[in-house]
């Protein structure tokens, strides 16, 4: 009897120890800085935990913890890159453009988990839903685009449209995922002959655009030069106009002064004007003042007298002596 009681007691202690171990190990949990957690009570989501560190919860099986990453994930559509090797899936990437041409298009989608509860419980395979939504979005946008846009300058617009449509679909499915970026990795034609023909067309188009740009630059250069010449001529004409106006104003001022003097002394002013005019017309002529008494013409030579040198006092004294 004593042995049976001891066995029961030992089993009870063992069970108690197991319970204490379970409680000890399932009561505390740690959340890393790159992780987020969800507390589940009897299968029902209670709350999300995003703060890193040590946290407390009720022991299992009352509460459990699901830990998810906060990192950014990449979904590769149409290819798979692993260990530095790329494996393509051309059948998945083959699609028809809006002008009925076939292209191969693959892309990468960057996404992250923003609502762990919805990611865990809204759908059984949320990543599969994301993949199918990516395929539908890309095919829809490529199907409404022209081949020239898909292969050349329209890639950025296609990426933006795919991102908007994919974000709308993911939000509609409500699987706790947010789309961060969409990047077209490659868009190409299905065979070498078609690619070569399209390359020739593209090169010709680029050459045409280059010539058009060069012609536009030359036109702008000549237009600017012509505008500069016009501005220079206008500036010169304005300068000549201002100079002529100032000259005319000076001539008017001189005339007004002469007129005032003429009104005061008309005879003197008239003779002065005559002499000044003669000096201007005949700058090297000799000027004499002459008087006619009738029979004999007498004159008074001014310029010879001006050219004569005055005699010194010493010479005059000697002559007088």
Protein backbone atom coordinates (compact mmCIF):
# COMPACT_ATOMS: atom_id res chain seq x y z
CA UNK A 1 0.00 0.00 0.00
CA UNK A 2 2.83 2.31 0.85
CA UNK A 3 4.48 1.55 -2.43
CA UNK A 4 1.35 2.46 -4.44
CA UNK A 5 1.01 5.79 -2.61
CA UNK A 6 4.64 6.54 -3.29
CA UNK A 7 4.15 5.76 -6.97
CA UNK A 8 1.13 8.10 -7.12
CA UNK A 9 3.06 10.78 -5.32
CA UNK A 10 5.98 10.43 -7.70
CA UNK A 11 3.69 10.58 -10.73
CA UNK A 12 2.00 13.67 -9.29
CA UNK A 13 5.33 15.36 -8.74
CA UNK A 14 6.40 14.51 -12.27
CA UNK A 15 3.16 15.88 -13.71
CA UNK A 16 3.50 18.99 -11.60
CA UNK A 17 7.06 19.42 -12.81
CA UNK A 18 5.99 19.01 -16.42
CA UNK A 19 3.21 21.56 -15.93
CA UNK A 20 5.63 23.99 -14.33
CA UNK A 21 8.09 23.50 -17.19
CA UNK A 22 5.34 24.07 -19.76
CA UNK A 23 4.15 27.16 -17.92
CA UNK A 24 7.69 28.44 -17.59
CA UNK A 25 8.56 27.93 -21.22
CA UNK A 26 5.23 29.07 -22.74
CA UNK A 27 4.53 32.10 -20.56
CA UNK A 28 7.34 34.27 -21.87
CA UNK A 29 8.25 34.98 -25.46
CA UNK A 30 10.69 37.27 -27.27
CA UNK A 31 10.08 39.50 -30.27
CA UNK A 32 13.11 40.55 -32.31
CA UNK A 33 13.44 44.00 -33.93
CA UNK A 34 12.83 42.46 -37.36
CA UNK A 35 9.75 40.53 -36.20
CA UNK A 36 6.11 41.07 -35.32
CA UNK A 37 3.91 38.75 -33.27
CA UNK A 38 0.24 37.84 -32.88
CA UNK A 39 -1.32 36.60 -29.62
CA UNK A 40 -3.90 33.82 -30.15
CA UNK A 41 -6.28 32.87 -27.33
CA UNK A 42 -8.09 29.57 -27.88
CA UNK A 43 -7.72 30.04 -31.66
CA UNK A 44 -8.89 33.65 -31.68
CA UNK A 45 -6.59 36.54 -32.50
CA UNK A 46 -6.35 38.94 -29.58
CA UNK A 47 -3.75 41.52 -30.50
CA UNK A 48 -0.63 42.20 -32.48
CA UNK A 49 2.75 42.90 -30.94
CA UNK A 50 5.37 44.93 -32.78
CA UNK A 51 7.54 46.18 -29.90
CA UNK A 52 10.80 44.22 -29.64
CA UNK A 53 11.78 42.63 -26.34
CA UNK A 54 10.55 40.09 -23.76
CA UNK A 55 6.76 39.78 -23.38
CA UNK A 56 4.38 37.85 -21.12
CA UNK A 57 1.33 35.79 -22.10
CA UNK A 58 -0.87 33.10 -20.61
CA UNK A 59 0.61 29.61 -20.81
CA UNK A 60 -0.13 27.11 -23.54
CA UNK A 61 -2.73 25.90 -24.48
CA UNK A 62 -4.61 29.01 -23.35
CA UNK A 63 -2.55 31.41 -25.48
CA UNK A 64 -0.04 30.89 -28.26
CA UNK A 65 2.18 33.20 -30.30
CA UNK A 66 2.69 33.40 -34.05
CA UNK A 67 5.80 35.32 -35.08
CA UNK A 68 6.15 36.85 -38.56
CA UNK A 69 8.91 38.85 -40.22
CA UNK A 70 8.73 42.61 -40.83
CA UNK A 71 11.24 42.46 -43.67
CA UNK A 72 10.49 43.25 -47.30
CA UNK A 73 9.84 40.19 -49.45
CA UNK A 74 10.36 39.81 -53.21
CA UNK A 75 8.00 37.94 -55.49
CA UNK A 76 9.67 36.91 -58.75
CA UNK A 77 7.17 36.49 -61.57
CA UNK A 78 8.28 34.64 -64.71
CA UNK A 79 11.67 33.59 -63.39
CA UNK A 80 13.40 32.21 -60.32
CA UNK A 81 16.82 33.27 -59.08
CA UNK A 82 18.51 30.88 -56.68
CA UNK A 83 22.19 30.50 -55.77
CA UNK A 84 23.19 32.99 -58.48
CA UNK A 85 21.39 31.04 -61.20
CA UNK A 86 18.30 32.28 -63.04
CA UNK A 87 15.62 29.90 -64.22
CA UNK A 88 13.03 31.31 -66.62
CA UNK A 89 9.43 30.27 -67.16
CA UNK A 90 8.57 31.62 -70.64
CA UNK A 91 5.11 30.07 -70.73
CA UNK A 92 4.06 32.14 -67.71
CA UNK A 93 5.43 35.38 -69.13
CA UNK A 94 4.04 35.12 -72.67
CA UNK A 95 1.26 37.67 -73.20
CA UNK A 96 -0.41 39.74 -75.93
CA UNK A 97 -0.15 43.53 -76.21
CA UNK A 98 -2.96 45.88 -77.09
CA UNK A 99 -1.87 45.98 -80.75
CA UNK A 100 -1.88 42.15 -80.93
CA UNK A 101 1.84 41.43 -80.61
CA UNK A 102 3.35 38.73 -78.43
CA UNK A 103 5.91 39.68 -75.78
CA UNK A 104 7.62 37.97 -72.86
CA UNK A 105 7.42 40.03 -69.68
CA UNK A 106 8.66 39.24 -66.19
CA UNK A 107 8.87 41.38 -63.12
CA UNK A 108 9.60 41.44 -59.41
CA UNK A 109 7.18 42.65 -56.73
CA UNK A 110 8.37 43.93 -53.36
CA UNK A 111 5.84 43.43 -50.57
CA UNK A 112 5.60 43.14 -46.82
CA UNK A 113 3.18 41.88 -44.17
CA UNK A 114 1.33 44.81 -42.61
CA UNK A 115 -1.51 42.95 -40.86
CA UNK A 116 -0.30 39.62 -39.38
CA UNK A 117 -3.78 38.50 -38.26
CA UNK A 118 -5.26 38.86 -41.76
CA UNK A 119 -2.17 37.30 -43.31
CA UNK A 120 -2.55 34.23 -41.05
CA UNK A 121 -6.29 33.75 -41.07
CA UNK A 122 -7.93 35.59 -44.00
CA UNK A 123 -6.63 33.14 -46.61
CA UNK A 124 -5.00 29.72 -46.57
CA UNK A 125 -2.24 30.63 -49.07
CA UNK A 126 -1.83 34.46 -49.23
CA UNK A 127 1.40 34.27 -51.26
CA UNK A 128 -0.35 32.23 -53.94
CA UNK A 129 -3.11 34.85 -54.08
CA UNK A 130 -0.43 37.52 -54.45
CA UNK A 131 1.22 35.61 -57.32
CA UNK A 132 -2.05 35.17 -59.20
CA UNK A 133 -2.95 38.81 -58.64
CA UNK A 134 0.45 39.84 -60.03
CA UNK A 135 -0.09 37.74 -63.15
CA UNK A 136 -3.58 39.16 -63.70
CA UNK A 137 -2.42 42.76 -63.19
CA UNK A 138 0.56 42.47 -65.54
CA UNK A 139 -1.46 40.77 -68.28
CA UNK A 140 -4.19 43.36 -67.99
CA UNK A 141 -1.82 46.34 -68.33
CA UNK A 142 0.27 44.76 -71.12
CA UNK A 143 -2.94 43.87 -72.91
CA UNK A 144 -3.94 47.52 -73.01
CA UNK A 145 -0.48 48.84 -74.01
CA UNK A 146 1.23 49.07 -77.38
CA UNK A 147 4.32 47.03 -78.13
CA UNK A 148 6.46 50.15 -78.58
CA UNK A 149 5.58 51.31 -75.07
CA UNK A 150 6.25 47.89 -73.57
CA UNK A 151 9.69 47.58 -75.19
CA UNK A 152 10.97 51.16 -75.01
CA UNK A 153 9.94 54.31 -73.23
CA UNK A 154 6.64 53.18 -71.74
CA UNK A 155 8.03 50.75 -69.16
CA UNK A 156 7.87 53.21 -66.28
CA UNK A 157 4.21 53.94 -66.95
CA UNK A 158 3.45 50.21 -67.23
CA UNK A 159 5.17 49.57 -63.90
CA UNK A 160 3.12 52.30 -62.22
CA UNK A 161 -0.14 50.99 -63.68
CA UNK A 162 0.66 47.40 -62.63
CA UNK A 163 1.45 48.56 -59.11
CA UNK A 164 -1.82 50.51 -58.82
CA UNK A 165 -3.92 47.60 -60.13
CA UNK A 166 -2.10 45.03 -57.98
CA UNK A 167 -2.48 47.18 -54.86
CA UNK A 168 -6.20 47.47 -55.56
CA UNK A 169 -6.59 43.69 -55.92
CA UNK A 170 -4.57 42.91 -52.78
CA UNK A 171 -6.56 45.44 -50.79
CA UNK A 172 -9.78 43.91 -52.10
CA UNK A 173 -8.71 40.38 -51.06
CA UNK A 174 -7.76 41.75 -47.61
CA UNK A 175 -4.89 39.33 -46.92
CA UNK A 176 -2.76 41.65 -44.79
CA UNK A 177 -0.18 42.44 -47.52
CA UNK A 178 1.00 45.82 -48.83
CA UNK A 179 2.69 46.34 -52.20
CA UNK A 180 5.84 48.49 -52.00
CA UNK A 181 7.22 48.44 -55.55
CA UNK A 182 6.88 46.78 -58.94
CA UNK A 183 9.86 46.52 -61.28
CA UNK A 184 9.81 45.13 -64.83
CA UNK A 185 12.90 42.97 -65.16
CA UNK A 186 12.69 42.27 -68.88
CA UNK A 187 10.26 42.72 -71.75
CA UNK A 188 11.32 41.10 -75.02
CA UNK A 189 10.01 39.59 -78.21
CA UNK A 190 9.60 35.81 -78.48
CA UNK A 191 12.24 35.01 -81.15
CA UNK A 192 15.48 36.34 -82.64
CA UNK A 193 14.10 37.36 -86.06
CA UNK A 194 11.32 39.45 -84.58
CA UNK A 195 13.75 41.00 -82.07
CA UNK A 196 16.18 41.93 -84.87
CA UNK A 197 13.44 43.52 -86.99
CA UNK A 198 12.14 45.49 -84.05
CA UNK A 199 15.69 46.56 -83.16
CA UNK A 200 16.17 47.92 -86.69
CA UNK A 201 12.91 49.84 -86.43
CA UNK A 202 13.90 51.19 -83.04
CA UNK A 203 17.34 52.27 -84.31
CA UNK A 204 15.73 54.06 -87.25
CA UNK A 205 13.33 55.82 -84.91
CA UNK A 206 16.19 56.88 -82.64
CA UNK A 207 18.13 58.22 -85.64
CA UNK A 208 15.06 60.18 -86.74
CA UNK A 209 14.62 61.64 -83.25
CA UNK A 210 18.31 62.56 -83.13
CA UNK A 211 18.07 64.41 -86.46
CA UNK A 212 14.92 66.18 -85.33
CA UNK A 213 16.63 67.26 -82.11
CA UNK A 214 19.70 68.51 -84.00
CA UNK A 215 17.50 70.48 -86.39
CA UNK A 216 15.62 71.94 -83.44
CA UNK A 217 18.88 72.97 -81.77
CA UNK A 218 20.12 74.63 -84.98
CA UNK A 219 16.80 76.44 -85.40
CA UNK A 220 16.93 77.67 -81.82
CA UNK A 221 20.54 78.79 -82.27
CA UNK A 222 19.76 80.78 -85.42
CA UNK A 223 16.62 82.22 -83.84
CA UNK A 224 18.58 83.38 -80.80
CA UNK A 225 21.30 84.88 -83.02
CA UNK A 226 18.67 86.73 -85.07
CA UNK A 227 17.02 88.00 -81.89
CA UNK A 228 20.43 89.20 -80.69
CA UNK A 229 21.09 91.03 -83.94
CA UNK A 230 17.64 92.65 -83.81
CA UNK A 231 18.26 93.73 -80.22
CA UNK A 232 21.67 95.19 -81.19
CA UNK A 233 20.19 97.14 -84.11
CA UNK A 234 17.39 98.46 -81.91
CA UNK A 235 19.89 99.49 -79.25
CA UNK A 236 22.09 101.26 -81.83
CA UNK A 237 19.07 103.01 -83.35
CA UNK A 238 17.94 104.14 -79.91
CA UNK A 239 21.46 105.43 -79.19
CA UNK A 240 21.55 107.34 -82.50
CA UNK A 241 18.10 108.74 -81.79
CA UNK A 242 19.16 109.95 -78.34
CA UNK A 243 22.37 111.47 -79.76
CA UNK A 244 20.49 113.31 -82.52
CA UNK A 245 17.94 114.60 -80.04
CA UNK A 246 20.68 115.92 -77.74
CA UNK A 247 22.51 117.49 -80.71
CA UNK A 248 19.31 119.19 -81.86
CA UNK A 249 18.66 120.46 -78.35
CA UNK A 250 22.21 121.89 -78.24
CA UNK A 251 21.75 123.57 -81.64
CA UNK A 252 18.46 125.07 -80.47
CA UNK A 253 20.11 126.37 -77.31
CA UNK A 254 22.96 127.97 -79.32
CA UNK A 255 20.48 129.52 -81.75
CA UNK A 256 18.40 130.95 -78.91
CA UNK A 257 21.49 132.55 -77.36
CA UNK A 258 22.55 134.03 -80.73
CA UNK A 259 19.05 135.29 -81.30
CA UNK A 260 19.05 137.05 -77.91
CA UNK A 261 22.39 138.68 -78.75
CA UNK A 262 21.10 139.64 -82.19
CA UNK A 263 18.09 141.34 -80.70
CA UNK A 264 20.40 143.34 -78.40
CA UNK A 265 23.16 144.21 -80.94
CA UNK A 266 22.06 143.21 -84.43
CA UNK A 267 24.96 144.82 -86.35
CA UNK A 268 27.71 143.40 -84.18
CA UNK A 269 26.12 139.99 -84.10
CA UNK A 270 25.69 140.01 -87.89
CA UNK A 271 29.35 140.85 -88.47
CA UNK A 272 30.45 138.26 -85.92
CA UNK A 273 28.41 135.54 -87.61
CA UNK A 274 29.85 136.50 -91.00
CA UNK A 275 33.41 136.31 -89.70
CA UNK A 276 32.83 132.97 -87.96
CA UNK A 277 31.25 131.59 -91.11
CA UNK A 278 34.23 132.71 -93.20
CA UNK A 279 36.62 131.08 -90.76
CA UNK A 280 34.70 127.80 -91.03
CA UNK A 281 34.43 127.95 -94.84
CA UNK A 282 37.95 129.24 -95.47
CA UNK A 283 40.05 128.16 -92.48
CA UNK A 284 43.42 129.06 -94.13
CA UNK A 285 42.37 132.46 -95.57
CA UNK A 286 43.96 135.74 -94.41
CA UNK A 287 41.49 138.20 -92.95
CA UNK A 288 41.84 142.00 -93.46
CA UNK A 289 39.80 144.94 -92.28
CA UNK A 290 39.46 147.36 -95.27
CA UNK A 291 38.08 150.86 -95.69
CA UNK A 292 37.34 152.57 -99.01
CA UNK A 293 37.55 156.43 -99.10
CA UNK A 294 36.83 156.59 -102.81
CA UNK A 295 40.01 157.08 -104.78
CA UNK A 296 42.39 155.04 -102.73
CA UNK A 297 41.61 151.54 -101.23
CA UNK A 298 43.20 151.18 -97.85
CA UNK A 299 43.19 148.12 -95.62
CA UNK A 300 44.48 147.10 -92.26
CA UNK A 301 46.28 143.70 -92.33
CA UNK A 302 45.46 141.85 -89.10
CA UNK A 303 47.05 138.40 -89.62
CA UNK A 304 50.53 139.74 -90.62
CA UNK A 305 50.53 141.86 -87.49
CA UNK A 306 49.56 138.85 -85.40
CA UNK A 307 52.47 136.86 -86.84
CA UNK A 308 55.05 139.55 -86.13
CA UNK A 309 57.15 139.08 -83.02
CA UNK A 310 57.24 142.07 -80.63
CA UNK A 311 60.60 143.76 -80.26
CA UNK A 312 62.46 143.64 -76.97
CA UNK A 313 63.21 146.73 -74.90
CA UNK A 314 66.95 146.40 -75.49
CA UNK A 315 66.66 146.49 -79.24
CA UNK A 316 64.42 149.55 -79.05
CA UNK A 317 66.94 151.35 -76.88
CA UNK A 318 69.71 150.64 -79.30
CA UNK A 319 67.72 151.96 -82.23
CA UNK A 320 66.80 155.10 -80.44
CA UNK A 321 70.40 155.56 -79.69
